[in-house]
Amino acid sequence: MRKAAESIDINKVLGGKTPYAGESEIAIAGGVLPKDIPGVTPIRADGNFARFSIVNIFKGKYE
C-alpha cells in the first residue's frame, strides 16, 4: 500500500481498539478520488495477500 504524507495509519492510532486489525487501513483527510486508486489486493484472514488484485477501471477517467 502506498501511503500519502497526509494519511493516518488507523491500526497504529487505534492499536488494540481497531475493529479490523487484520486489515491495512489508512484515512486521508478530504478523501481519495477514484482516479488516484490504482486497484486493490485483498488480504486473507492469515494476513497474507491474496494471489490476485482488482484493477480500478475508473483510474484516470474522472480528471
C-alpha atoms as a PDB file:
ATOM      1  CA  MET A   1       0.000   0.000   0.000  1.00  0.00           C
ATOM      2  CA  ARG A   2       1.327   3.419  -0.904  1.00  0.00           C
ATOM      3  CA  LYS A   3       0.877   5.822   1.978  1.00  0.00           C
ATOM      4  CA  ALA A   4       0.341   9.534   1.329  1.00  0.00           C
ATOM      5  CA  ALA A   5       2.175  12.016   3.540  1.00  0.00           C
ATOM      6  CA  GLU A   6      -1.140  13.326   4.927  1.00  0.00           C
ATOM      7  CA  SER A   7      -2.546   9.884   5.707  1.00  0.00           C
ATOM      8  CA  ILE A   8      -3.215   8.324   9.103  1.00  0.00           C
ATOM      9  CA  ASP A   9      -2.433   4.668   9.834  1.00  0.00           C
ATOM     10  CA  ILE A  10      -5.644   3.565  11.559  1.00  0.00           C
ATOM     11  CA  ASN A  11      -4.165   0.407  13.110  1.00  0.00           C
ATOM     12  CA  LYS A  12      -1.257   2.385  14.557  1.00  0.00           C
ATOM     13  CA  VAL A  13      -3.507   5.087  16.028  1.00  0.00           C
ATOM     14  CA  LEU A  14      -6.187   2.772  17.454  1.00  0.00           C
ATOM     15  CA  GLY A  15      -3.862  -0.066  18.438  1.00  0.00           C
ATOM     16  CA  GLY A  16      -5.818  -2.919  20.026  1.00  0.00           C
ATOM     17  CA  LYS A  17      -9.074  -0.954  19.764  1.00  0.00           C
ATOM     18  CA  THR A  18      -9.288  -1.220  15.982  1.00  0.00           C
ATOM     19  CA  PRO A  19     -12.264  -3.375  14.961  1.00  0.00           C
ATOM     20  CA  TYR A  20     -10.468  -4.613  11.813  1.00  0.00           C
ATOM     21  CA  ALA A  21      -6.947  -5.442  12.970  1.00  0.00           C
ATOM     22  CA  GLY A  22      -6.448  -7.843  10.065  1.00  0.00           C
ATOM     23  CA  GLU A  23      -6.835  -5.063   7.513  1.00  0.00           C
ATOM     24  CA  SER A  24      -4.350  -2.431   6.379  1.00  0.00           C
ATOM     25  CA  GLU A  25      -6.388   0.737   6.707  1.00  0.00           C
ATOM     26  CA  ILE A  26      -5.426   4.365   6.245  1.00  0.00           C
ATOM     27  CA  ALA A  27      -7.507   7.527   6.452  1.00  0.00           C
ATOM     28  CA  ILE A  28      -6.872  10.553   4.275  1.00  0.00           C
ATOM     29  CA  ALA A  29      -8.317  13.973   5.091  1.00  0.00           C
ATOM     30  CA  GLY A  30     -10.521  15.143   2.240  1.00  0.00           C
ATOM     31  CA  GLY A  31     -10.961  11.647   0.825  1.00  0.00           C
ATOM     32  CA  VAL A  32      -9.460   9.944  -2.198  1.00  0.00           C
ATOM     33  CA  LEU A  33     -10.531  10.448  -5.791  1.00  0.00           C
ATOM     34  CA  PRO A  34     -11.302   7.265  -7.770  1.00  0.00           C
ATOM     35  CA  LYS A  35      -8.613   8.211 -10.315  1.00  0.00           C
ATOM     36  CA  ASP A  36      -5.984   8.030  -7.556  1.00  0.00           C
ATOM     37  CA  ILE A  37      -6.701   4.385  -6.654  1.00  0.00           C
ATOM     38  CA  PRO A  38      -4.735   2.003  -8.913  1.00  0.00           C
ATOM     39  CA  GLY A  39      -6.528  -1.065  -7.558  1.00  0.00           C
ATOM     40  CA  VAL A  40      -6.852  -3.324  -4.536  1.00  0.00           C
ATOM     41  CA  THR A  41      -5.325  -6.586  -3.378  1.00  0.00           C
ATOM     42  CA  PRO A  42      -7.351  -8.434  -0.736  1.00  0.00           C
ATOM     43  CA  ILE A  43      -5.652  -9.581   2.463  1.00  0.00           C
ATOM     44  CA  ARG A  44      -6.537 -13.094   3.605  1.00  0.00           C
ATOM     45  CA  ALA A  45      -7.502 -13.941   7.194  1.00  0.00           C
ATOM     46  CA  ASP A  46      -3.944 -15.196   7.819  1.00  0.00           C
ATOM     47  CA  GLY A  47      -2.555 -11.733   6.992  1.00  0.00           C
ATOM     48  CA  ASN A  48      -1.076 -12.677   3.612  1.00  0.00           C
ATOM     49  CA  PHE A  49      -2.088 -11.013   0.378  1.00  0.00           C
ATOM     50  CA  ALA A  50      -4.453 -12.886  -1.925  1.00  0.00           C
ATOM     51  CA  ARG A  51      -2.935 -14.099  -5.192  1.00  0.00           C
ATOM     52  CA  PHE A  52      -4.918 -11.616  -7.254  1.00  0.00           C
ATOM     53  CA  SER A  53      -5.593  -7.896  -7.470  1.00  0.00           C
ATOM     54  CA  ILE A  54      -8.563  -5.943  -8.745  1.00  0.00           C
ATOM     55  CA  VAL A  55      -7.627  -3.169 -11.163  1.00  0.00           C
ATOM     56  CA  ASN A  56      -9.536   0.102 -10.882  1.00  0.00           C
ATOM     57  CA  ILE A  57     -11.248   0.523 -14.264  1.00  0.00           C
ATOM     58  CA  PHE A  58     -12.072   4.145 -13.386  1.00  0.00           C
ATOM     59  CA  LYS A  59      -8.425   5.176 -12.875  1.00  0.00           C
ATOM     60  CA  GLY A  60      -7.838   8.343 -14.865  1.00  0.00           C
ATOM     61  CA  LYS A  61     -11.436   8.701 -16.112  1.00  0.00           C
ATOM     62  CA  TYR A  62     -12.698  11.474 -13.832  1.00  0.00           C
ATOM     63  CA  GLU A  63      -9.964  14.069 -14.005  1.00  0.00           C
END
